[in-house]
Amino acid sequence: MIKNTFFLVLLVVFTACQSKAKSSETKTIAQNSAPEKVVLSNAQLQEYETAYFASGCFWCVEAIFESVKGVKEVVSGYSGGPEQNPTYEQVAYGRTGHAEAVEVYYDPKEVSFQELVQVFFGSHDPTTYNRQGPDRGAQYRSVAFYKNDAEEKTIRNYLKALVDKKVYDSDIVTQVVAFEKFWKAEEYHQDFERRNPNQSYIRAVSVPRLNRFKKNFPEYLKKGEEIH
């Protein structure tokens, strides 16, 4: 349970994605039309910094970071394991060491890495081991990846603040891990929530999680983002 004394620093969302082994039906749903999105080229994306996080279902996590000001693109994928070229089926059934993760492209002039760390902790429960909500397994574990000493220090200092303030009654189990490699997930996973707003899982789990984040952190939202 979160202590109210540290409310502004972090408000955890106690919902996460259900187990969601993909079927042909899901892949078909993802073909549906979606609101127009500005797509940046690879060359344009290289102008921005990247950050990597894992906190349960990447459908949910991608949508949350996409709503944050200064974030230019978010990619769903896999990270944290030794396997090369993992597939969704391998990761979803716990056959790899990877977690479902996101790659966040952001403009540090608009949003700092520390603020992204706050978004990460503020949008999931970091005290549940190998689990987010109803999703169980190491592929849904909580991981904050760092690419350099400065990022590691930022993450660990934030964790220390959470512990010192006794924000949680339970121990934080988030892993702080050196980033090695990110593998992009299959195309039908990308922007899944945006392209499939009426899909049952999205309506029941992902959208409520996103809306709770928006309610708790309105100061981080892009223009035009609102609870729906």
C-alpha atoms as a PDB file:
ATOM      1  CA  MET A   1       0.000   0.000   0.000  1.00  0.00           C
ATOM      2  CA  ILE A   2       1.278   3.496  -0.817  1.00  0.00           C
ATOM      3  CA  LYS A   3       1.763   6.042   1.924  1.00  0.00           C
ATOM      4  CA  ASN A   4      -0.027   9.320   1.217  1.00  0.00           C
ATOM      5  CA  THR A   5       2.991  11.347   2.422  1.00  0.00           C
ATOM      6  CA  PHE A   6       4.785  10.730  -0.857  1.00  0.00           C
ATOM      7  CA  PHE A   7       1.714  11.065  -3.088  1.00  0.00           C
ATOM      8  CA  LEU A   8       3.149  13.577  -5.539  1.00  0.00           C
ATOM      9  CA  VAL A   9       6.357  11.636  -6.044  1.00  0.00           C
ATOM     10  CA  LEU A  10       4.561   8.482  -7.006  1.00  0.00           C
ATOM     11  CA  LEU A  11       1.042   7.171  -7.294  1.00  0.00           C
ATOM     12  CA  VAL A  12       0.985   3.553  -8.307  1.00  0.00           C
ATOM     13  CA  VAL A  13      -1.534   2.057 -10.678  1.00  0.00           C
ATOM     14  CA  PHE A  14      -2.704  -1.254  -9.266  1.00  0.00           C
ATOM     15  CA  THR A  15      -3.826  -2.682 -12.576  1.00  0.00           C
ATOM     16  CA  ALA A  16      -1.768  -4.377 -15.213  1.00  0.00           C
ATOM     17  CA  CYS A  17      -2.211  -6.442 -18.315  1.00  0.00           C
ATOM     18  CA  GLN A  18      -3.794  -9.829 -18.344  1.00  0.00           C
ATOM     19  CA  SER A  19      -1.980 -12.822 -19.726  1.00  0.00           C
ATOM     20  CA  LYS A  20      -2.465 -12.383 -23.434  1.00  0.00           C
ATOM     21  CA  ALA A  21      -1.070 -15.108 -25.629  1.00  0.00           C
ATOM     22  CA  LYS A  22      -1.711 -13.839 -29.118  1.00  0.00           C
ATOM     23  CA  SER A  23      -4.154 -15.545 -31.440  1.00  0.00           C
ATOM     24  CA  SER A  24      -5.024 -14.998 -35.063  1.00  0.00           C
ATOM     25  CA  GLU A  25      -8.037 -13.033 -33.815  1.00  0.00           C
ATOM     26  CA  THR A  26      -5.808 -10.536 -32.022  1.00  0.00           C
ATOM     27  CA  LYS A  27      -3.623 -10.118 -35.068  1.00  0.00           C
ATOM     28  CA  THR A  28      -6.698  -9.465 -37.173  1.00  0.00           C
ATOM     29  CA  ILE A  29      -8.073  -6.904 -34.727  1.00  0.00           C
ATOM     30  CA  ALA A  30      -4.823  -4.981 -34.957  1.00  0.00           C
ATOM     31  CA  GLN A  31      -5.467  -4.365 -38.650  1.00  0.00           C
ATOM     32  CA  ASN A  32      -8.376  -2.049 -37.798  1.00  0.00           C
ATOM     33  CA  SER A  33      -8.214   1.670 -38.528  1.00  0.00           C
ATOM     34  CA  ALA A  34      -6.844   4.045 -35.896  1.00  0.00           C
ATOM     35  CA  PRO A  35      -6.508   7.787 -35.368  1.00  0.00           C
ATOM     36  CA  GLU A  36      -3.777   9.351 -37.486  1.00  0.00           C
ATOM     37  CA  LYS A  37      -0.347   9.397 -35.872  1.00  0.00           C
ATOM     38  CA  VAL A  38       2.712  11.344 -36.934  1.00  0.00           C
ATOM     39  CA  VAL A  39       5.350   8.766 -37.823  1.00  0.00           C
ATOM     40  CA  LEU A  40       8.975   9.820 -37.501  1.00  0.00           C
ATOM     41  CA  SER A  41      11.667   8.367 -39.713  1.00  0.00           C
ATOM     42  CA  ASN A  42      14.626   6.472 -38.258  1.00  0.00           C
ATOM     43  CA  ALA A  43      16.812   9.475 -39.074  1.00  0.00           C
ATOM     44  CA  GLN A  44      14.483  11.776 -37.132  1.00  0.00           C
ATOM     45  CA  LEU A  45      14.359   9.412 -34.156  1.00  0.00           C
ATOM     46  CA  GLN A  46      18.153   9.440 -33.932  1.00  0.00           C
ATOM     47  CA  GLU A  47      17.919  13.081 -32.865  1.00  0.00           C
ATOM     48  CA  TYR A  48      16.401  12.034 -29.541  1.00  0.00           C
ATOM     49  CA  GLU A  49      17.523  10.181 -26.431  1.00  0.00           C
ATOM     50  CA  THR A  50      16.287   6.697 -25.570  1.00  0.00           C
ATOM     51  CA  ALA A  51      15.203   5.089 -22.303  1.00  0.00           C
ATOM     52  CA  TYR A  52      14.122   1.523 -21.581  1.00  0.00           C
ATOM     53  CA  PHE A  53      11.625   0.212 -19.060  1.00  0.00           C
ATOM     54  CA  ALA A  54       9.602  -2.923 -18.322  1.00  0.00           C
ATOM     55  CA  SER A  55       6.512  -2.865 -16.100  1.00  0.00           C
ATOM     56  CA  GLY A  56       4.089  -5.490 -17.303  1.00  0.00           C
ATOM     57  CA  CYS A  57       2.180  -5.647 -20.561  1.00  0.00           C
ATOM     58  CA  PHE A  58       3.880  -3.553 -23.209  1.00  0.00           C
ATOM     59  CA  TRP A  59       0.520  -2.573 -24.695  1.00  0.00           C
ATOM     60  CA  CYS A  60      -0.204  -0.703 -21.467  1.00  0.00           C
ATOM     61  CA  VAL A  61       3.279   0.690 -20.922  1.00  0.00           C
ATOM     62  CA  GLU A  62       3.598   1.953 -24.495  1.00  0.00           C
ATOM     63  CA  ALA A  63       0.311   3.858 -24.248  1.00  0.00           C
ATOM     64  CA  ILE A  64       1.326   5.469 -20.965  1.00  0.00           C
ATOM     65  CA  PHE A  65       4.664   6.770 -22.214  1.00  0.00           C
ATOM     66  CA  GLU A  66       3.082   7.876 -25.505  1.00  0.00           C
ATOM     67  CA  SER A  67       0.905  10.266 -23.486  1.00  0.00           C
ATOM     68  CA  VAL A  68       3.890  12.009 -21.858  1.00  0.00           C
ATOM     69  CA  LYS A  69       5.058  15.392 -23.110  1.00  0.00           C
ATOM     70  CA  GLY A  70       8.503  15.294 -24.702  1.00  0.00           C
ATOM     71  CA  VAL A  71       8.129  11.645 -25.695  1.00  0.00           C
ATOM     72  CA  LYS A  72       8.362  11.362 -29.485  1.00  0.00           C
ATOM     73  CA  GLU A  73       7.907   7.631 -30.013  1.00  0.00           C
ATOM     74  CA  VAL A  74       7.510   4.451 -27.992  1.00  0.00           C
ATOM     75  CA  VAL A  75       8.258   0.981 -29.337  1.00  0.00           C
ATOM     76  CA  SER A  76       7.084  -2.289 -27.773  1.00  0.00           C
ATOM     77  CA  GLY A  77       9.606  -5.092 -27.568  1.00  0.00           C
ATOM     78  CA  TYR A  78      11.686  -7.398 -25.452  1.00  0.00           C
ATOM     79  CA  SER A  79      14.785  -6.868 -23.316  1.00  0.00           C
ATOM     80  CA  GLY A  80      16.666  -8.239 -20.338  1.00  0.00           C
ATOM     81  CA  GLY A  81      17.394 -11.755 -21.587  1.00  0.00           C
ATOM     82  CA  PRO A  82      20.242 -13.454 -23.490  1.00  0.00           C
ATOM     83  CA  GLU A  83      18.202 -14.885 -26.356  1.00  0.00           C
ATOM     84  CA  GLN A  84      18.643 -13.485 -29.860  1.00  0.00           C
ATOM     85  CA  ASN A  85      15.644 -12.485 -31.979  1.00  0.00           C
ATOM     86  CA  PRO A  86      12.965 -13.555 -29.473  1.00  0.00           C
ATOM     87  CA  THR A  87       9.382 -13.986 -30.642  1.00  0.00           C
ATOM     88  CA  TYR A  88       6.254 -13.030 -28.745  1.00  0.00           C
ATOM     89  CA  GLU A  89       5.246 -16.659 -28.325  1.00  0.00           C
ATOM     90  CA  GLN A  90       8.624 -17.464 -26.724  1.00  0.00           C
ATOM     91  CA  VAL A  91       8.525 -14.489 -24.352  1.00  0.00           C
ATOM     92  CA  ALA A  92       4.827 -14.760 -23.469  1.00  0.00           C
ATOM     93  CA  TYR A  93       5.165 -18.386 -22.417  1.00  0.00           C
ATOM     94  CA  GLY A  94       8.267 -17.751 -20.308  1.00  0.00           C
ATOM     95  CA  ARG A  95      10.676 -19.494 -22.659  1.00  0.00           C
ATOM     96  CA  THR A  96      13.228 -16.669 -22.560  1.00  0.00           C
ATOM     97  CA  GLY A  97      14.879 -14.427 -20.005  1.00  0.00           C
ATOM     98  CA  HIS A  98      13.349 -11.354 -21.620  1.00  0.00           C
ATOM     99  CA  ALA A  99      10.711  -9.058 -20.196  1.00  0.00           C
ATOM    100  CA  GLU A 100       8.095  -7.220 -22.226  1.00  0.00           C
ATOM    101  CA  ALA A 101       9.693  -3.776 -22.470  1.00  0.00           C
ATOM    102  CA  VAL A 102       9.435  -0.425 -24.204  1.00  0.00           C
ATOM    103  CA  GLU A 103      11.939   1.771 -25.990  1.00  0.00           C
ATOM    104  CA  VAL A 104      11.156   5.431 -25.307  1.00  0.00           C
ATOM    105  CA  TYR A 105      12.432   8.159 -27.637  1.00  0.00           C
ATOM    106  CA  TYR A 106      12.336  11.502 -25.854  1.00  0.00           C
ATOM    107  CA  ASP A 107      13.534  15.080 -26.087  1.00  0.00           C
ATOM    108  CA  PRO A 108      15.540  15.890 -22.925  1.00  0.00           C
ATOM    109  CA  LYS A 109      14.728  19.572 -23.442  1.00  0.00           C
ATOM    110  CA  GLU A 110      11.084  18.752 -22.769  1.00  0.00           C
ATOM    111  CA  VAL A 111      11.234  15.846 -20.336  1.00  0.00           C
ATOM    112  CA  SER A 112      14.154  14.605 -18.265  1.00  0.00           C
ATOM    113  CA  PHE A 113      15.254  11.032 -17.665  1.00  0.00           C
ATOM    114  CA  GLN A 114      14.407  11.513 -13.989  1.00  0.00           C
ATOM    115  CA  GLU A 115      10.846  12.457 -14.929  1.00  0.00           C
ATOM    116  CA  LEU A 116      10.591   9.340 -17.092  1.00  0.00           C
ATOM    117  CA  VAL A 117      11.729   7.306 -14.091  1.00  0.00           C
ATOM    118  CA  GLN A 118       8.910   8.888 -12.098  1.00  0.00           C
ATOM    119  CA  VAL A 119       6.450   8.011 -14.872  1.00  0.00           C
ATOM    120  CA  PHE A 120       7.757   4.437 -14.788  1.00  0.00           C
ATOM    121  CA  PHE A 121       7.287   4.016 -11.040  1.00  0.00           C
ATOM    122  CA  GLY A 122       4.059   6.007 -11.033  1.00  0.00           C
ATOM    123  CA  SER A 123       2.318   3.767 -13.531  1.00  0.00           C
ATOM    124  CA  HIS A 124       2.805   0.293 -12.053  1.00  0.00           C
ATOM    125  CA  ASP A 125       3.251  -1.573  -8.777  1.00  0.00           C
ATOM    126  CA  PRO A 126       6.997  -2.148  -8.183  1.00  0.00           C
ATOM    127  CA  THR A 127       6.390  -4.379  -5.137  1.00  0.00           C
ATOM    128  CA  THR A 128       4.914  -7.399  -6.919  1.00  0.00           C
ATOM    129  CA  TYR A 129       7.550  -9.962  -7.859  1.00  0.00           C
ATOM    130  CA  ASN A 130       7.304 -11.232 -11.452  1.00  0.00           C
ATOM    131  CA  ARG A 131       3.788  -9.901 -11.684  1.00  0.00           C
ATOM    132  CA  GLN A 132       1.645  -6.964 -12.695  1.00  0.00           C
ATOM    133  CA  GLY A 133      -1.990  -7.315 -11.697  1.00  0.00           C
ATOM    134  CA  PRO A 134      -3.289 -10.625 -13.075  1.00  0.00           C
ATOM    135  CA  ASP A 135      -0.201 -11.182 -15.259  1.00  0.00           C
ATOM    136  CA  ARG A 136       2.301 -13.562 -13.740  1.00  0.00           C
ATOM    137  CA  GLY A 137       5.735 -14.601 -14.903  1.00  0.00           C
ATOM    138  CA  ALA A 138       9.228 -13.147 -15.215  1.00  0.00           C
ATOM    139  CA  GLN A 139       8.253 -11.638 -18.569  1.00  0.00           C
ATOM    140  CA  TYR A 140       6.089  -9.154 -16.611  1.00  0.00           C
ATOM    141  CA  ARG A 141       8.723  -8.184 -14.055  1.00  0.00           C
ATOM    142  CA  SER A 142       9.579  -4.608 -13.158  1.00  0.00           C
ATOM    143  CA  VAL A 143      12.870  -3.423 -14.674  1.00  0.00           C
ATOM    144  CA  ALA A 144      14.483  -0.001 -15.002  1.00  0.00           C
ATOM    145  CA  PHE A 145      17.323  -0.227 -17.505  1.00  0.00           C
ATOM    146  CA  TYR A 146      20.250   2.183 -17.508  1.00  0.00           C
ATOM    147  CA  LYS A 147      22.679   2.972 -20.337  1.00  0.00           C
ATOM    148  CA  ASN A 148      25.304   4.842 -18.324  1.00  0.00           C
ATOM    149  CA  ASP A 149      26.424   5.727 -14.805  1.00  0.00           C
ATOM    150  CA  ALA A 150      24.306   8.880 -14.696  1.00  0.00           C
ATOM    151  CA  GLU A 151      21.109   6.988 -15.486  1.00  0.00           C
ATOM    152  CA  GLU A 152      21.925   4.300 -12.938  1.00  0.00           C
ATOM    153  CA  LYS A 153      22.506   6.954 -10.282  1.00  0.00           C
ATOM    154  CA  THR A 154      19.191   8.648 -11.136  1.00  0.00           C
ATOM    155  CA  ILE A 155      17.267   5.377 -10.813  1.00  0.00           C
ATOM    156  CA  ARG A 156      18.959   4.306  -7.578  1.00  0.00           C
ATOM    157  CA  ASN A 157      18.534   7.741  -5.996  1.00  0.00           C
ATOM    158  CA  TYR A 158      14.841   7.675  -6.824  1.00  0.00           C
ATOM    159  CA  LEU A 159      14.518   4.181  -5.370  1.00  0.00           C
ATOM    160  CA  LYS A 160      16.302   5.327  -2.227  1.00  0.00           C
ATOM    161  CA  ALA A 161      13.879   8.235  -1.883  1.00  0.00           C
ATOM    162  CA  LEU A 162      10.925   5.863  -2.156  1.00  0.00           C
ATOM    163  CA  VAL A 163      12.398   3.607   0.524  1.00  0.00           C
ATOM    164  CA  ASP A 164      13.420   6.476   2.820  1.00  0.00           C
ATOM    165  CA  LYS A 165       9.939   7.973   2.629  1.00  0.00           C
ATOM    166  CA  LYS A 166       8.404   4.549   3.287  1.00  0.00           C
ATOM    167  CA  VAL A 167       6.085   4.976   0.310  1.00  0.00           C
ATOM    168  CA  TYR A 168       5.307   1.254   0.289  1.00  0.00           C
ATOM    169  CA  ASP A 169       4.502  -1.233   3.004  1.00  0.00           C
ATOM    170  CA  SER A 170       6.178  -3.970   0.948  1.00  0.00           C
ATOM    171  CA  ASP A 171       9.682  -4.137  -0.456  1.00  0.00           C
ATOM    172  CA  ILE A 172      10.304  -2.741  -3.927  1.00  0.00           C
ATOM    173  CA  VAL A 173      11.415  -5.565  -6.227  1.00  0.00           C
ATOM    174  CA  THR A 174      12.222  -3.510  -9.329  1.00  0.00           C
ATOM    175  CA  GLN A 175      15.418  -4.654 -11.000  1.00  0.00           C
ATOM    176  CA  VAL A 176      17.985  -2.001 -11.951  1.00  0.00           C
ATOM    177  CA  VAL A 177      19.806  -3.502 -14.914  1.00  0.00           C
ATOM    178  CA  ALA A 178      22.445  -2.363 -17.375  1.00  0.00           C
ATOM    179  CA  PHE A 179      20.863  -2.091 -20.819  1.00  0.00           C
ATOM    180  CA  GLU A 180      22.275  -4.436 -23.447  1.00  0.00           C
ATOM    181  CA  LYS A 181      19.853  -4.994 -26.305  1.00  0.00           C
ATOM    182  CA  PHE A 182      16.278  -4.192 -27.254  1.00  0.00           C
ATOM    183  CA  TRP A 183      14.373  -6.392 -29.693  1.00  0.00           C
ATOM    184  CA  LYS A 184      11.388  -4.793 -31.396  1.00  0.00           C
ATOM    185  CA  ALA A 185       8.179  -6.801 -31.046  1.00  0.00           C
ATOM    186  CA  GLU A 186       6.082  -7.946 -33.974  1.00  0.00           C
ATOM    187  CA  GLU A 187       4.376  -5.168 -35.900  1.00  0.00           C
ATOM    188  CA  TYR A 188       0.860  -6.036 -34.709  1.00  0.00           C
ATOM    189  CA  HIS A 189       1.918  -5.159 -31.152  1.00  0.00           C
ATOM    190  CA  GLN A 190       2.949  -1.613 -32.040  1.00  0.00           C
ATOM    191  CA  ASP A 191       0.442   1.097 -31.013  1.00  0.00           C
ATOM    192  CA  PHE A 192      -1.924  -1.721 -30.126  1.00  0.00           C
ATOM    193  CA  GLU A 193      -4.070   0.260 -27.706  1.00  0.00           C
ATOM    194  CA  ARG A 194      -4.400   3.209 -30.073  1.00  0.00           C
ATOM    195  CA  ARG A 195      -5.371   0.993 -32.998  1.00  0.00           C
ATOM    196  CA  ASN A 196      -7.708  -1.273 -31.030  1.00  0.00           C
ATOM    197  CA  PRO A 197      -9.664   0.916 -28.576  1.00  0.00           C
ATOM    198  CA  ASN A 198     -12.650  -1.446 -28.503  1.00  0.00           C
ATOM    199  CA  GLN A 199     -10.749  -4.675 -28.000  1.00  0.00           C
ATOM    200  CA  SER A 200     -12.008  -6.296 -24.782  1.00  0.00           C
ATOM    201  CA  TYR A 201      -8.652  -6.460 -23.010  1.00  0.00           C
ATOM    202  CA  ILE A 202      -7.816  -2.875 -23.914  1.00  0.00           C
ATOM    203  CA  ARG A 203     -11.150  -1.601 -22.577  1.00  0.00           C
ATOM    204  CA  ALA A 204     -11.055  -3.675 -19.399  1.00  0.00           C
ATOM    205  CA  VAL A 205      -7.413  -3.319 -18.361  1.00  0.00           C
ATOM    206  CA  SER A 206      -5.211  -1.107 -20.481  1.00  0.00           C
ATOM    207  CA  VAL A 207      -7.390   2.010 -20.783  1.00  0.00           C
ATOM    208  CA  PRO A 208      -8.219   2.122 -17.043  1.00  0.00           C
ATOM    209  CA  ARG A 209      -4.506   1.853 -16.242  1.00  0.00           C
ATOM    210  CA  LEU A 210      -3.713   4.686 -18.652  1.00  0.00           C
ATOM    211  CA  ASN A 211      -6.505   6.874 -17.290  1.00  0.00           C
ATOM    212  CA  ARG A 212      -5.342   6.401 -13.719  1.00  0.00           C
ATOM    213  CA  PHE A 213      -1.903   7.536 -14.741  1.00  0.00           C
ATOM    214  CA  LYS A 214      -3.360  10.589 -16.506  1.00  0.00           C
ATOM    215  CA  LYS A 215      -5.419  11.484 -13.459  1.00  0.00           C
ATOM    216  CA  ASN A 216      -2.425  11.223 -11.139  1.00  0.00           C
ATOM    217  CA  PHE A 217       0.109  13.002 -13.366  1.00  0.00           C
ATOM    218  CA  PRO A 218      -1.744  15.642 -15.428  1.00  0.00           C
ATOM    219  CA  GLU A 219       1.331  17.880 -15.432  1.00  0.00           C
ATOM    220  CA  TYR A 220       3.209  15.340 -17.578  1.00  0.00           C
ATOM    221  CA  LEU A 221       0.607  14.963 -20.314  1.00  0.00           C
ATOM    222  CA  LYS A 222       0.881  16.163 -23.881  1.00  0.00           C
ATOM    223  CA  LYS A 223      -1.596  18.721 -25.135  1.00  0.00           C
ATOM    224  CA  GLY A 224      -4.833  17.061 -26.199  1.00  0.00           C
ATOM    225  CA  GLU A 225      -4.401  14.072 -23.907  1.00  0.00           C
ATOM    226  CA  GLU A 226      -7.404  13.546 -21.706  1.00  0.00           C
ATOM    227  CA  ILE A 227      -9.128  10.773 -19.824  1.00  0.00           C
ATOM    228  CA  HIS A 228     -11.502   8.792 -22.026  1.00  0.00           C
END
